[in-house]
Amino acid sequence: MNDTEVRFFFLLFAVFSALFGACVGSFLNVCIHRIPRDESVVTPRSHCPHCNTLIPWYLNIPVASWLALRGRCASCKGPIAFRYTLVELLTAALFLAVFLKWAAPAALGTTAIPHPAAIPVYWLFLAGLVLGTFVDFEHFILPDSVTIGGMVAGPILSALVPSLHGRTVWWQGLLLSLIGLAVGFGLLYAVAWIGGRIFKKEAMGFGDVKLMGAIGAFLGWQAVLFTVFVSSLLGSVCGLLMIAFGGVKLQSRIPFGPYLSAAALIWVFWGEVLFGAYLRLMRG
């Protein structure tokens, strides 16, 4: 293909990535609402939470429907939370960012995609982080479908796509995934156990421990160390700001899952560069 055709297909797949991400975000909204309530994410069809009227497909288009209806149900005019559109926009942006990060160098001819299957794997991983984050914010729980599901899927996908861990042989990808899982789960379990002994109460939910195991399974042990440090920093700064501005009290419960997810997200896009810079600084 010539340069014009390459650019055309690159743009086409970029648009597809964003649209597909918005559709996945729409499904994540269903999961965020129903999973904590132990409801099926398949049936019944999407419906208004106020009047239970089924939403037809033409009023269930990601982002566009919310804007067209001005954030209200077409039947009862009840308010539709902006969170639904936020999740769709966020997921669309993340899917597009993943495609651009791994496909843009190949489109420019500077390097090749190590394995095209890495892109949908990162899509799946980030979709899980979005789901866990919004459920944790609202219900202070992390769904097992995200945490345990991630610990199961991570090693399997790492064997199928060893380039996730910078390897080309399946068993090396699997081994590094299992090491990351063990380090992530074990490290945060130790933190939770020590915190419980010191403060005489639960210092960290077990869902956070399982989420850290899932992050390690997908991203490796280096990502675990980075995620623990950065999430602690983010949680401390945000917690102090919320206390300072009266959002929460000192003893208030604050979900930690969103900070783990944010730190893991930073690693996906910039972590290896930051980790390498840190190592060079230590050696220098």
Protein backbone atom coordinates (compact mmCIF):
# COMPACT_ATOMS: atom_id res chain seq x y z
CA MET A 1 0.00 0.00 0.00
CA ASN A 2 1.11 3.54 -0.67
CA ASP A 3 1.25 6.27 1.98
CA THR A 4 -2.21 7.59 1.14
CA GLU A 5 -3.82 4.19 1.59
CA VAL A 6 -1.95 3.64 4.85
CA ARG A 7 -3.19 6.96 6.21
CA PHE A 8 -6.75 6.20 5.08
CA PHE A 9 -6.89 2.82 6.81
CA PHE A 10 -5.15 4.22 9.88
CA LEU A 11 -7.82 6.93 10.15
CA LEU A 12 -10.58 4.38 9.50
CA PHE A 13 -9.41 2.10 12.30
CA ALA A 14 -8.88 5.06 14.62
CA VAL A 15 -12.51 6.11 14.14
CA PHE A 16 -13.61 2.50 14.61
CA SER A 17 -11.62 2.30 17.87
CA ALA A 18 -13.39 5.35 19.30
CA LEU A 19 -16.86 4.22 18.18
CA PHE A 20 -16.27 0.69 19.45
CA GLY A 21 -15.05 2.11 22.76
CA ALA A 22 -18.23 4.17 23.11
CA CYS A 23 -20.34 1.04 22.50
CA VAL A 24 -18.32 -0.90 25.07
CA GLY A 25 -18.80 2.01 27.47
CA SER A 26 -22.55 1.73 26.96
CA PHE A 27 -22.38 -1.93 27.98
CA LEU A 28 -20.16 -1.04 30.93
CA ASN A 29 -22.92 1.30 32.13
CA VAL A 30 -25.27 -1.69 32.25
CA CYS A 31 -22.67 -3.65 34.22
CA ILE A 32 -21.98 -0.76 36.62
CA HIS A 33 -25.68 -0.47 37.42
CA ARG A 34 -26.62 -4.16 37.57
CA ILE A 35 -23.63 -6.15 38.85
CA PRO A 36 -23.67 -4.64 42.39
CA ARG A 37 -27.41 -5.42 42.48
CA ASP A 38 -26.85 -9.05 41.42
CA GLU A 39 -28.91 -8.49 38.27
CA SER A 40 -28.32 -10.04 34.86
CA VAL A 41 -26.37 -7.85 32.43
CA VAL A 42 -28.12 -9.57 29.50
CA THR A 43 -31.80 -9.41 30.33
CA PRO A 44 -34.00 -7.42 30.50
CA ARG A 45 -33.06 -4.92 27.79
CA SER A 46 -31.92 -1.42 28.71
CA HIS A 47 -34.73 0.48 30.41
CA CYS A 48 -35.34 3.73 32.23
CA PRO A 49 -34.49 3.38 35.95
CA HIS A 50 -37.44 5.66 36.83
CA CYS A 51 -40.38 4.32 34.78
CA ASN A 52 -38.86 1.00 33.59
CA THR A 53 -39.81 1.77 29.98
CA LEU A 54 -37.67 -0.21 27.54
CA ILE A 55 -35.31 2.02 25.58
CA PRO A 56 -35.49 1.49 21.79
CA TRP A 57 -32.21 1.12 19.92
CA TYR A 58 -32.50 4.53 18.24
CA LEU A 59 -32.63 6.17 21.69
CA ASN A 60 -29.76 4.07 23.01
CA ILE A 61 -26.94 5.38 20.83
CA PRO A 62 -23.87 6.14 22.95
CA VAL A 63 -23.38 9.84 23.79
CA ALA A 64 -25.64 11.04 20.93
CA SER A 65 -28.90 9.88 22.56
CA TRP A 66 -28.08 11.55 25.87
CA LEU A 67 -27.32 14.82 24.10
CA ALA A 68 -30.42 14.61 21.89
CA LEU A 69 -32.68 13.92 24.89
CA ARG A 70 -30.88 16.58 26.98
CA GLY A 71 -30.23 14.07 29.73
CA ARG A 72 -33.86 13.04 30.26
CA CYS A 73 -35.96 9.94 29.62
CA ALA A 74 -38.09 10.22 26.48
CA SER A 75 -41.09 8.68 28.30
CA CYS A 76 -41.20 10.04 31.84
CA LYS A 77 -38.71 12.93 31.48
CA GLY A 78 -36.80 11.63 34.48
CA PRO A 79 -33.15 12.71 34.68
CA ILE A 80 -30.48 10.45 33.16
CA ALA A 81 -27.21 10.80 35.08
CA PHE A 82 -24.28 12.30 33.17
CA ARG A 83 -22.25 9.36 34.46
CA TYR A 84 -23.61 7.26 31.58
CA THR A 85 -22.19 9.62 28.98
CA LEU A 86 -18.98 10.10 30.96
CA VAL A 87 -18.30 6.34 30.94
CA GLU A 88 -18.98 6.17 27.20
CA LEU A 89 -16.71 9.12 26.43
CA LEU A 90 -13.96 7.86 28.75
CA THR A 91 -14.00 4.37 27.26
CA ALA A 92 -14.01 5.76 23.72
CA ALA A 93 -11.01 7.98 24.55
CA LEU A 94 -9.10 5.09 26.15
CA PHE A 95 -9.72 2.73 23.23
CA LEU A 96 -8.60 5.39 20.78
CA ALA A 97 -5.51 6.16 22.89
CA VAL A 98 -4.52 2.48 22.95
CA PHE A 99 -4.87 2.23 19.18
CA LEU A 100 -2.85 5.39 18.61
CA LYS A 101 -0.08 4.31 20.99
CA TRP A 102 0.47 0.89 19.42
CA ALA A 103 -0.59 1.48 15.82
CA ALA A 104 0.65 5.01 15.11
CA PRO A 105 4.37 4.07 15.08
CA ALA A 106 3.62 1.27 12.63
CA ALA A 107 1.57 3.61 10.41
CA LEU A 108 4.43 6.11 10.40
CA GLY A 109 6.88 3.36 9.51
CA THR A 110 9.06 3.88 12.59
CA THR A 111 8.33 0.47 14.08
CA ALA A 112 5.93 -2.44 13.81
CA ILE A 113 3.18 -3.47 16.18
CA PRO A 114 4.73 -6.30 18.28
CA HIS A 115 1.48 -8.21 18.04
CA PRO A 116 -1.80 -6.73 16.78
CA ALA A 117 -3.70 -8.79 19.38
CA ALA A 118 -2.12 -6.66 22.11
CA ILE A 119 -4.55 -3.85 21.25
CA PRO A 120 -7.80 -5.72 22.09
CA VAL A 121 -6.13 -7.16 25.20
CA TYR A 122 -5.39 -3.66 26.46
CA TRP A 123 -8.93 -2.67 25.53
CA LEU A 124 -10.27 -5.49 27.70
CA PHE A 125 -7.95 -4.59 30.57
CA LEU A 126 -8.87 -0.89 30.55
CA ALA A 127 -12.58 -1.67 30.24
CA GLY A 128 -12.25 -3.73 33.42
CA LEU A 129 -10.56 -0.82 35.18
CA VAL A 130 -13.37 1.54 34.15
CA LEU A 131 -15.99 -0.91 35.39
CA GLY A 132 -14.24 -1.47 38.71
CA THR A 133 -13.60 2.25 39.25
CA PHE A 134 -17.20 3.39 38.88
CA VAL A 135 -18.61 0.50 40.91
CA ASP A 136 -16.09 1.20 43.69
CA PHE A 137 -16.93 4.89 43.71
CA GLU A 138 -20.65 4.17 44.13
CA HIS A 139 -20.75 0.97 46.21
CA PHE A 140 -17.27 0.64 47.79
CA ILE A 141 -16.83 -2.80 46.26
CA LEU A 142 -14.82 -4.22 43.37
CA PRO A 143 -16.70 -6.86 41.35
CA ASP A 144 -15.21 -10.35 41.23
CA SER A 145 -15.77 -10.26 37.47
CA VAL A 146 -13.06 -7.59 37.35
CA THR A 147 -10.68 -8.82 40.06
CA ILE A 148 -10.86 -12.62 39.93
CA GLY A 149 -11.72 -12.46 36.24
CA GLY A 150 -8.57 -10.40 35.67
CA MET A 151 -6.41 -12.83 37.62
CA VAL A 152 -7.70 -15.68 35.45
CA ALA A 153 -7.68 -13.88 32.10
CA GLY A 154 -4.29 -12.20 32.59
CA PRO A 155 -2.12 -15.35 32.49
CA ILE A 156 -4.15 -16.89 29.65
CA LEU A 157 -3.90 -13.79 27.47
CA SER A 158 -0.23 -13.33 28.39
CA ALA A 159 0.47 -16.81 27.04
CA LEU A 160 -1.46 -16.04 23.86
CA VAL A 161 0.11 -12.57 23.48
CA PRO A 162 3.53 -12.72 25.21
CA SER A 163 4.41 -9.29 23.77
CA LEU A 164 2.35 -7.88 26.66
CA HIS A 165 5.45 -8.61 28.74
CA GLY A 166 8.00 -7.91 26.03
CA ARG A 167 8.48 -11.57 25.13
CA THR A 168 7.90 -13.67 22.02
CA VAL A 169 7.63 -17.16 23.57
CA TRP A 170 4.30 -18.15 25.12
CA TRP A 171 5.67 -19.73 28.30
CA GLN A 172 7.79 -16.66 29.07
CA GLY A 173 4.71 -14.43 28.82
CA LEU A 174 2.80 -16.85 31.06
CA LEU A 175 5.62 -17.02 33.61
CA LEU A 176 5.98 -13.24 33.86
CA SER A 177 2.22 -12.90 34.20
CA LEU A 178 2.12 -15.39 37.08
CA ILE A 179 5.04 -13.62 38.76
CA GLY A 180 3.23 -10.29 38.39
CA LEU A 181 0.04 -11.82 39.81
CA ALA A 182 1.87 -13.27 42.82
CA VAL A 183 3.79 -10.04 43.51
CA GLY A 184 0.68 -7.87 43.13
CA PHE A 185 -1.57 -10.04 45.26
CA GLY A 186 1.10 -10.82 47.84
CA LEU A 187 2.37 -7.26 48.22
CA LEU A 188 -1.04 -5.70 48.78
CA TYR A 189 -2.12 -8.58 50.99
CA ALA A 190 0.92 -7.91 53.18
CA VAL A 191 0.07 -4.19 53.29
CA ALA A 192 -3.53 -4.97 54.26
CA TRP A 193 -2.42 -7.47 56.94
CA ILE A 194 0.16 -5.12 58.48
CA GLY A 195 -2.31 -2.21 58.36
CA GLY A 196 -4.95 -4.30 60.10
CA ARG A 197 -2.51 -5.21 62.89
CA ILE A 198 -1.39 -1.61 63.36
CA PHE A 199 -4.79 0.12 63.20
CA LYS A 200 -6.79 -2.77 64.73
CA LYS A 201 -9.29 -2.64 61.86
CA GLU A 202 -9.51 -3.40 58.18
CA ALA A 203 -7.00 -1.07 56.52
CA MET A 204 -7.73 -2.17 52.95
CA GLY A 205 -10.52 -4.12 51.29
CA PHE A 206 -9.73 -7.56 49.92
CA GLY A 207 -11.11 -6.41 46.57
CA ASP A 208 -8.13 -4.06 46.27
CA VAL A 209 -5.78 -7.00 46.90
CA LYS A 210 -7.43 -9.04 44.14
CA LEU A 211 -7.39 -6.05 41.77
CA MET A 212 -3.67 -5.65 42.32
CA GLY A 213 -3.23 -9.31 41.46
CA ALA A 214 -5.15 -8.77 38.21
CA ILE A 215 -3.04 -5.71 37.36
CA GLY A 216 0.14 -7.72 37.93
CA ALA A 217 -1.17 -10.58 35.79
CA PHE A 218 -1.71 -8.26 32.83
CA LEU A 219 1.19 -5.84 33.24
CA GLY A 220 3.94 -7.62 35.19
CA TRP A 221 5.79 -7.14 38.45
CA GLN A 222 7.39 -3.80 37.48
CA ALA A 223 3.91 -2.39 36.95
CA VAL A 224 2.94 -3.65 40.42
CA LEU A 225 5.70 -1.64 42.13
CA PHE A 226 4.86 1.42 40.05
CA THR A 227 1.11 1.08 40.67
CA VAL A 228 1.45 0.67 44.43
CA PHE A 229 3.69 3.73 44.73
CA VAL A 230 1.73 6.01 42.38
CA SER A 231 -1.70 4.96 43.69
CA SER A 232 -0.57 5.66 47.26
CA LEU A 233 0.66 9.07 46.18
CA LEU A 234 -2.55 9.86 44.29
CA GLY A 235 -4.73 8.61 47.14
CA SER A 236 -2.85 10.67 49.72
CA VAL A 237 -2.96 13.87 47.69
CA CYS A 238 -6.64 13.50 46.75
CA GLY A 239 -7.60 12.50 50.28
CA LEU A 240 -5.87 15.53 51.79
CA LEU A 241 -7.52 17.82 49.23
CA MET A 242 -10.97 16.39 49.98
CA ILE A 243 -10.41 16.80 53.71
CA ALA A 244 -9.10 20.35 53.24
CA PHE A 245 -12.10 21.39 51.18
CA GLY A 246 -14.63 19.69 53.43
CA GLY A 247 -15.55 16.87 51.06
CA VAL A 248 -14.80 14.11 53.57
CA LYS A 249 -13.81 13.76 57.19
CA LEU A 250 -10.53 12.33 58.43
CA GLN A 251 -12.12 8.97 59.34
CA SER A 252 -14.27 8.76 56.20
CA ARG A 253 -14.05 5.68 54.02
CA ILE A 254 -12.42 6.37 50.67
CA PRO A 255 -12.34 3.75 47.89
CA PHE A 256 -8.78 2.83 46.91
CA GLY A 257 -9.64 0.90 43.74
CA PRO A 258 -9.94 4.03 41.56
CA TYR A 259 -6.40 5.10 42.52
CA LEU A 260 -5.02 1.65 41.71
CA SER A 261 -6.80 1.85 38.35
CA ALA A 262 -5.49 5.35 37.65
CA ALA A 263 -1.91 4.30 38.44
CA ALA A 264 -2.23 1.20 36.25
CA LEU A 265 -3.58 3.40 33.45
CA ILE A 266 -0.54 5.68 33.75
CA TRP A 267 1.70 2.62 33.49
CA VAL A 268 -0.03 1.39 30.33
CA PHE A 269 0.75 4.61 28.48
CA TRP A 270 3.85 6.04 30.16
CA GLY A 271 4.97 3.62 32.88
CA GLU A 272 7.92 1.98 31.18
CA VAL A 273 9.37 5.38 30.24
CA LEU A 274 8.94 6.66 33.81
CA PHE A 275 10.30 3.44 35.30
CA GLY A 276 13.35 3.59 33.03
CA ALA A 277 13.93 7.23 33.95
CA TYR A 278 13.73 6.31 37.64
CA LEU A 279 16.29 3.53 37.24
CA ARG A 280 18.65 5.84 35.35
CA LEU A 281 18.27 8.40 38.12
CA MET A 282 19.10 5.83 40.78
CA ARG A 283 22.15 4.63 38.86
CA GLY A 284 23.29 8.18 38.13
